[in-house]
Amino acid sequence: MLEIIQFLMDNQDVLHKLQEGTVSLIGVDADETKAILEVFFDVQNTVKDYYWN
């Protein structure tokens, strides 16, 4: 999983295509893909919520 995260960090275009649903990751199921996308795109909300609670 760490290799996938590193790949997506290095290849932001693939990350955005993954978010759009135009690509998929081999060997990664839908729940794992959703979790990966949440980590990349919901970090701002998580940080904000952490500091305001």
PDB file of N, CA and C in Angstrom:
ATOM      1  N   MET A   1       0.820  -1.191   0.000  1.00  0.00           N
ATOM      2  CA  MET A   1       0.000   0.000   0.000  1.00  0.00           C
ATOM      3  C   MET A   1       0.869   1.262   0.000  1.00  0.00           C
ATOM      4  N   LEU A   2       1.979   1.222   0.721  1.00  0.00           N
ATOM      5  CA  LEU A   2       2.858   2.391   0.754  1.00  0.00           C
ATOM      6  C   LEU A   2       3.408   2.727  -0.630  1.00  0.00           C
ATOM      7  N   GLU A   3       3.672   1.696  -1.410  1.00  0.00           N
ATOM      8  CA  GLU A   3       4.166   1.926  -2.773  1.00  0.00           C
ATOM      9  C   GLU A   3       3.104   2.599  -3.629  1.00  0.00           C
ATOM     10  N   ILE A   4       1.844   2.229  -3.435  1.00  0.00           N
ATOM     11  CA  ILE A   4       0.745   2.849  -4.181  1.00  0.00           C
ATOM     12  C   ILE A   4       0.624   4.316  -3.799  1.00  0.00           C
ATOM     13  N   ILE A   5       0.684   4.613  -2.503  1.00  0.00           N
ATOM     14  CA  ILE A   5       0.600   5.994  -2.034  1.00  0.00           C
ATOM     15  C   ILE A   5       1.747   6.817  -2.607  1.00  0.00           C
ATOM     16  N   GLN A   6       2.954   6.267  -2.575  1.00  0.00           N
ATOM     17  CA  GLN A   6       4.112   6.979  -3.123  1.00  0.00           C
ATOM     18  C   GLN A   6       3.938   7.221  -4.618  1.00  0.00           C
ATOM     19  N   PHE A   7       3.440   6.217  -5.341  1.00  0.00           N
ATOM     20  CA  PHE A   7       3.200   6.373  -6.775  1.00  0.00           C
ATOM     21  C   PHE A   7       2.213   7.505  -7.033  1.00  0.00           C
ATOM     22  N   LEU A   8       1.125   7.547  -6.271  1.00  0.00           N
ATOM     23  CA  LEU A   8       0.117   8.587  -6.468  1.00  0.00           C
ATOM     24  C   LEU A   8       0.651   9.968  -6.092  1.00  0.00           C
ATOM     25  N   MET A   9       1.517  10.028  -5.116  1.00  0.00           N
ATOM     26  CA  MET A   9       2.134  11.310  -4.756  1.00  0.00           C
ATOM     27  C   MET A   9       3.040  11.807  -5.875  1.00  0.00           C
ATOM     28  N   ASP A  10       3.718  10.880  -6.524  1.00  0.00           N
ATOM     29  CA  ASP A  10       4.623  11.233  -7.617  1.00  0.00           C
ATOM     30  C   ASP A  10       3.892  11.464  -8.933  1.00  0.00           C
ATOM     31  N   ASN A  11       2.679  10.950  -9.055  1.00  0.00           N
ATOM     32  CA  ASN A  11       1.911  11.016 -10.306  1.00  0.00           C
ATOM     33  C   ASN A  11       0.521  11.582 -10.016  1.00  0.00           C
ATOM     34  N   GLN A  12       0.478  12.873  -9.757  1.00  0.00           N
ATOM     35  CA  GLN A  12      -0.768  13.527  -9.374  1.00  0.00           C
ATOM     36  C   GLN A  12      -1.849  13.406 -10.453  1.00  0.00           C
ATOM     37  N   ASP A  13      -1.448  13.320 -11.718  1.00  0.00           N
ATOM     38  CA  ASP A  13      -2.438  13.166 -12.781  1.00  0.00           C
ATOM     39  C   ASP A  13      -3.205  11.853 -12.637  1.00  0.00           C
ATOM     40  N   VAL A  14      -2.520  10.796 -12.252  1.00  0.00           N
ATOM     41  CA  VAL A  14      -3.180   9.503 -12.031  1.00  0.00           C
ATOM     42  C   VAL A  14      -4.118   9.604 -10.827  1.00  0.00           C
ATOM     43  N   LEU A  15      -3.699  10.320  -9.806  1.00  0.00           N
ATOM     44  CA  LEU A  15      -4.529  10.510  -8.619  1.00  0.00           C
ATOM     45  C   LEU A  15      -5.838  11.206  -8.988  1.00  0.00           C
ATOM     46  N   HIS A  16      -5.762  12.238  -9.798  1.00  0.00           N
ATOM     47  CA  HIS A  16      -6.979  12.955 -10.192  1.00  0.00           C
ATOM     48  C   HIS A  16      -7.865  12.104 -11.102  1.00  0.00           C
ATOM     49  N   LYS A  17      -7.254  11.300 -11.954  1.00  0.00           N
ATOM     50  CA  LYS A  17      -8.039  10.384 -12.786  1.00  0.00           C
ATOM     51  C   LYS A  17      -8.710   9.317 -11.925  1.00  0.00           C
ATOM     52  N   LEU A  18      -8.038   8.890 -10.874  1.00  0.00           N
ATOM     53  CA  LEU A  18      -8.621   7.930  -9.944  1.00  0.00           C
ATOM     54  C   LEU A  18      -9.834   8.552  -9.260  1.00  0.00           C
ATOM     55  N   GLN A  19      -9.716   9.808  -8.886  1.00  0.00           N
ATOM     56  CA  GLN A  19     -10.828  10.515  -8.252  1.00  0.00           C
ATOM     57  C   GLN A  19     -12.005  10.654  -9.219  1.00  0.00           C
ATOM     58  N   GLU A  20     -11.705  10.905 -10.489  1.00  0.00           N
ATOM     59  CA  GLU A  20     -12.750  11.039 -11.502  1.00  0.00           C
ATOM     60  C   GLU A  20     -13.379   9.700 -11.864  1.00  0.00           C
ATOM     61  N   GLY A  21     -12.680   8.622 -11.566  1.00  0.00           N
ATOM     62  CA  GLY A  21     -13.182   7.302 -11.893  1.00  0.00           C
ATOM     63  C   GLY A  21     -12.803   6.822 -13.280  1.00  0.00           C
ATOM     64  N   THR A  22     -11.840   7.493 -13.909  1.00  0.00           N
ATOM     65  CA  THR A  22     -11.430   7.108 -15.264  1.00  0.00           C
ATOM     66  C   THR A  22     -10.297   6.090 -15.278  1.00  0.00           C
ATOM     67  N   VAL A  23      -9.686   5.847 -14.109  1.00  0.00           N
ATOM     68  CA  VAL A  23      -8.673   4.797 -13.983  1.00  0.00           C
ATOM     69  C   VAL A  23      -8.956   4.004 -12.714  1.00  0.00           C
ATOM     70  N   SER A  24      -8.359   2.840 -12.619  1.00  0.00           N
ATOM     71  CA  SER A  24      -8.444   2.049 -11.394  1.00  0.00           C
ATOM     72  C   SER A  24      -7.058   1.504 -11.091  1.00  0.00           C
ATOM     73  N   LEU A  25      -6.887   1.048  -9.866  1.00  0.00           N
ATOM     74  CA  LEU A  25      -5.602   0.501  -9.442  1.00  0.00           C
ATOM     75  C   LEU A  25      -5.708  -1.017  -9.391  1.00  0.00           C
ATOM     76  N   ILE A  26      -4.812  -1.692 -10.067  1.00  0.00           N
ATOM     77  CA  ILE A  26      -4.811  -3.147 -10.105  1.00  0.00           C
ATOM     78  C   ILE A  26      -4.503  -3.677  -8.708  1.00  0.00           C
ATOM     79  N   GLY A  27      -5.335  -4.585  -8.239  1.00  0.00           N
ATOM     80  CA  GLY A  27      -5.123  -5.197  -6.937  1.00  0.00           C
ATOM     81  C   GLY A  27      -5.668  -4.398  -5.768  1.00  0.00           C
ATOM     82  N   VAL A  28      -6.372  -3.298  -6.062  1.00  0.00           N
ATOM     83  CA  VAL A  28      -6.945  -2.463  -5.006  1.00  0.00           C
ATOM     84  C   VAL A  28      -8.460  -2.483  -5.180  1.00  0.00           C
ATOM     85  N   ASP A  29      -9.173  -2.904  -4.141  1.00  0.00           N
ATOM     86  CA  ASP A  29     -10.628  -2.982  -4.263  1.00  0.00           C
ATOM     87  C   ASP A  29     -11.266  -1.607  -4.046  1.00  0.00           C
ATOM     88  N   ALA A  30     -12.575  -1.535  -4.218  1.00  0.00           N
ATOM     89  CA  ALA A  30     -13.295  -0.266  -4.162  1.00  0.00           C
ATOM     90  C   ALA A  30     -13.189   0.398  -2.796  1.00  0.00           C
ATOM     91  N   ASP A  31     -13.240  -0.382  -1.726  1.00  0.00           N
ATOM     92  CA  ASP A  31     -13.142   0.194  -0.384  1.00  0.00           C
ATOM     93  C   ASP A  31     -11.752   0.787  -0.135  1.00  0.00           C
ATOM     94  N   GLU A  32     -10.722   0.101  -0.598  1.00  0.00           N
ATOM     95  CA  GLU A  32      -9.363   0.611  -0.436  1.00  0.00           C
ATOM     96  C   GLU A  32      -9.156   1.872  -1.274  1.00  0.00           C
ATOM     97  N   THR A  33      -9.720   1.881  -2.474  1.00  0.00           N
ATOM     98  CA  THR A  33      -9.620   3.063  -3.328  1.00  0.00           C
ATOM     99  C   THR A  33     -10.298   4.252  -2.665  1.00  0.00           C
ATOM    100  N   LYS A  34     -11.466   4.024  -2.101  1.00  0.00           N
ATOM    101  CA  LYS A  34     -12.190   5.089  -1.409  1.00  0.00           C
ATOM    102  C   LYS A  34     -11.357   5.616  -0.242  1.00  0.00           C
ATOM    103  N   ALA A  35     -10.740   4.740   0.510  1.00  0.00           N
ATOM    104  CA  ALA A  35      -9.904   5.149   1.643  1.00  0.00           C
ATOM    105  C   ALA A  35      -8.704   5.965   1.173  1.00  0.00           C
ATOM    106  N   ILE A  36      -8.080   5.542   0.098  1.00  0.00           N
ATOM    107  CA  ILE A  36      -6.939   6.274  -0.455  1.00  0.00           C
ATOM    108  C   ILE A  36      -7.363   7.680  -0.855  1.00  0.00           C
ATOM    109  N   LEU A  37      -8.483   7.787  -1.548  1.00  0.00           N
ATOM    110  CA  LEU A  37      -8.960   9.096  -1.987  1.00  0.00           C
ATOM    111  C   LEU A  37      -9.321   9.980  -0.795  1.00  0.00           C
ATOM    112  N   GLU A  38      -9.880   9.399   0.239  1.00  0.00           N
ATOM    113  CA  GLU A  38     -10.198  10.175   1.441  1.00  0.00           C
ATOM    114  C   GLU A  38      -8.941  10.734   2.078  1.00  0.00           C
ATOM    115  N   VAL A  39      -7.891   9.948   2.100  1.00  0.00           N
ATOM    116  CA  VAL A  39      -6.629  10.413   2.683  1.00  0.00           C
ATOM    117  C   VAL A  39      -6.089  11.604   1.897  1.00  0.00           C
ATOM    118  N   PHE A  40      -6.130  11.533   0.587  1.00  0.00           N
ATOM    119  CA  PHE A  40      -5.571  12.605  -0.229  1.00  0.00           C
ATOM    120  C   PHE A  40      -6.446  13.850  -0.266  1.00  0.00           C
ATOM    121  N   PHE A  41      -7.752  13.678  -0.324  1.00  0.00           N
ATOM    122  CA  PHE A  41      -8.619  14.821  -0.588  1.00  0.00           C
ATOM    123  C   PHE A  41      -9.411  15.313   0.615  1.00  0.00           C
ATOM    124  N   ASP A  42      -9.437  14.590   1.713  1.00  0.00           N
ATOM    125  CA  ASP A  42     -10.170  15.038   2.888  1.00  0.00           C
ATOM    126  C   ASP A  42      -9.247  15.452   4.026  1.00  0.00           C
ATOM    127  N   VAL A  43      -7.958  15.589   3.748  1.00  0.00           N
ATOM    128  CA  VAL A  43      -7.002  15.944   4.791  1.00  0.00           C
ATOM    129  C   VAL A  43      -7.311  17.330   5.349  1.00  0.00           C
ATOM    130  N   GLN A  44      -7.683  18.282   4.514  1.00  0.00           N
ATOM    131  CA  GLN A  44      -7.959  19.634   4.987  1.00  0.00           C
ATOM    132  C   GLN A  44      -9.095  19.628   6.005  1.00  0.00           C
ATOM    133  N   ASN A  45     -10.151  18.881   5.737  1.00  0.00           N
ATOM    134  CA  ASN A  45     -11.259  18.811   6.674  1.00  0.00           C
ATOM    135  C   ASN A  45     -10.833  18.143   7.975  1.00  0.00           C
ATOM    136  N   THR A  46     -10.033  17.107   7.892  1.00  0.00           N
ATOM    137  CA  THR A  46      -9.587  16.395   9.080  1.00  0.00           C
ATOM    138  C   THR A  46      -8.745  17.312   9.965  1.00  0.00           C
ATOM    139  N   VAL A  47      -7.820  18.037   9.364  1.00  0.00           N
ATOM    140  CA  VAL A  47      -6.959  18.933  10.130  1.00  0.00           C
ATOM    141  C   VAL A  47      -7.800  20.038  10.750  1.00  0.00           C
ATOM    142  N   LYS A  48      -8.688  20.621   9.985  1.00  0.00           N
ATOM    143  CA  LYS A  48      -9.537  21.695  10.494  1.00  0.00           C
ATOM    144  C   LYS A  48     -10.388  21.187  11.655  1.00  0.00           C
ATOM    145  N   ASP A  49     -11.010  20.043  11.496  1.00  0.00           N
ATOM    146  CA  ASP A  49     -11.847  19.481  12.552  1.00  0.00           C
ATOM    147  C   ASP A  49     -11.035  19.175  13.802  1.00  0.00           C
ATOM    148  N   TYR A  50      -9.823  18.720  13.607  1.00  0.00           N
ATOM    149  CA  TYR A  50      -8.970  18.380  14.755  1.00  0.00           C
ATOM    150  C   TYR A  50      -8.665  19.629  15.593  1.00  0.00           C
ATOM    151  N   TYR A  51      -8.315  20.705  14.941  1.00  0.00           N
ATOM    152  CA  TYR A  51      -7.941  21.906  15.672  1.00  0.00           C
ATOM    153  C   TYR A  51      -9.135  22.650  16.269  1.00  0.00           C
ATOM    154  N   TRP A  52     -10.315  22.469  15.690  1.00  0.00           N
ATOM    155  CA  TRP A  52     -11.480  23.191  16.204  1.00  0.00           C
ATOM    156  C   TRP A  52     -12.241  22.416  17.251  1.00  0.00           C
ATOM    157  N   ASN A  53     -11.900  21.163  17.479  1.00  0.00           N
ATOM    158  CA  ASN A  53     -12.616  20.375  18.503  1.00  0.00           C
ATOM    159  C   ASN A  53     -11.948  20.427  19.837  1.00  0.00           C
TER     160      ASN A  53
END
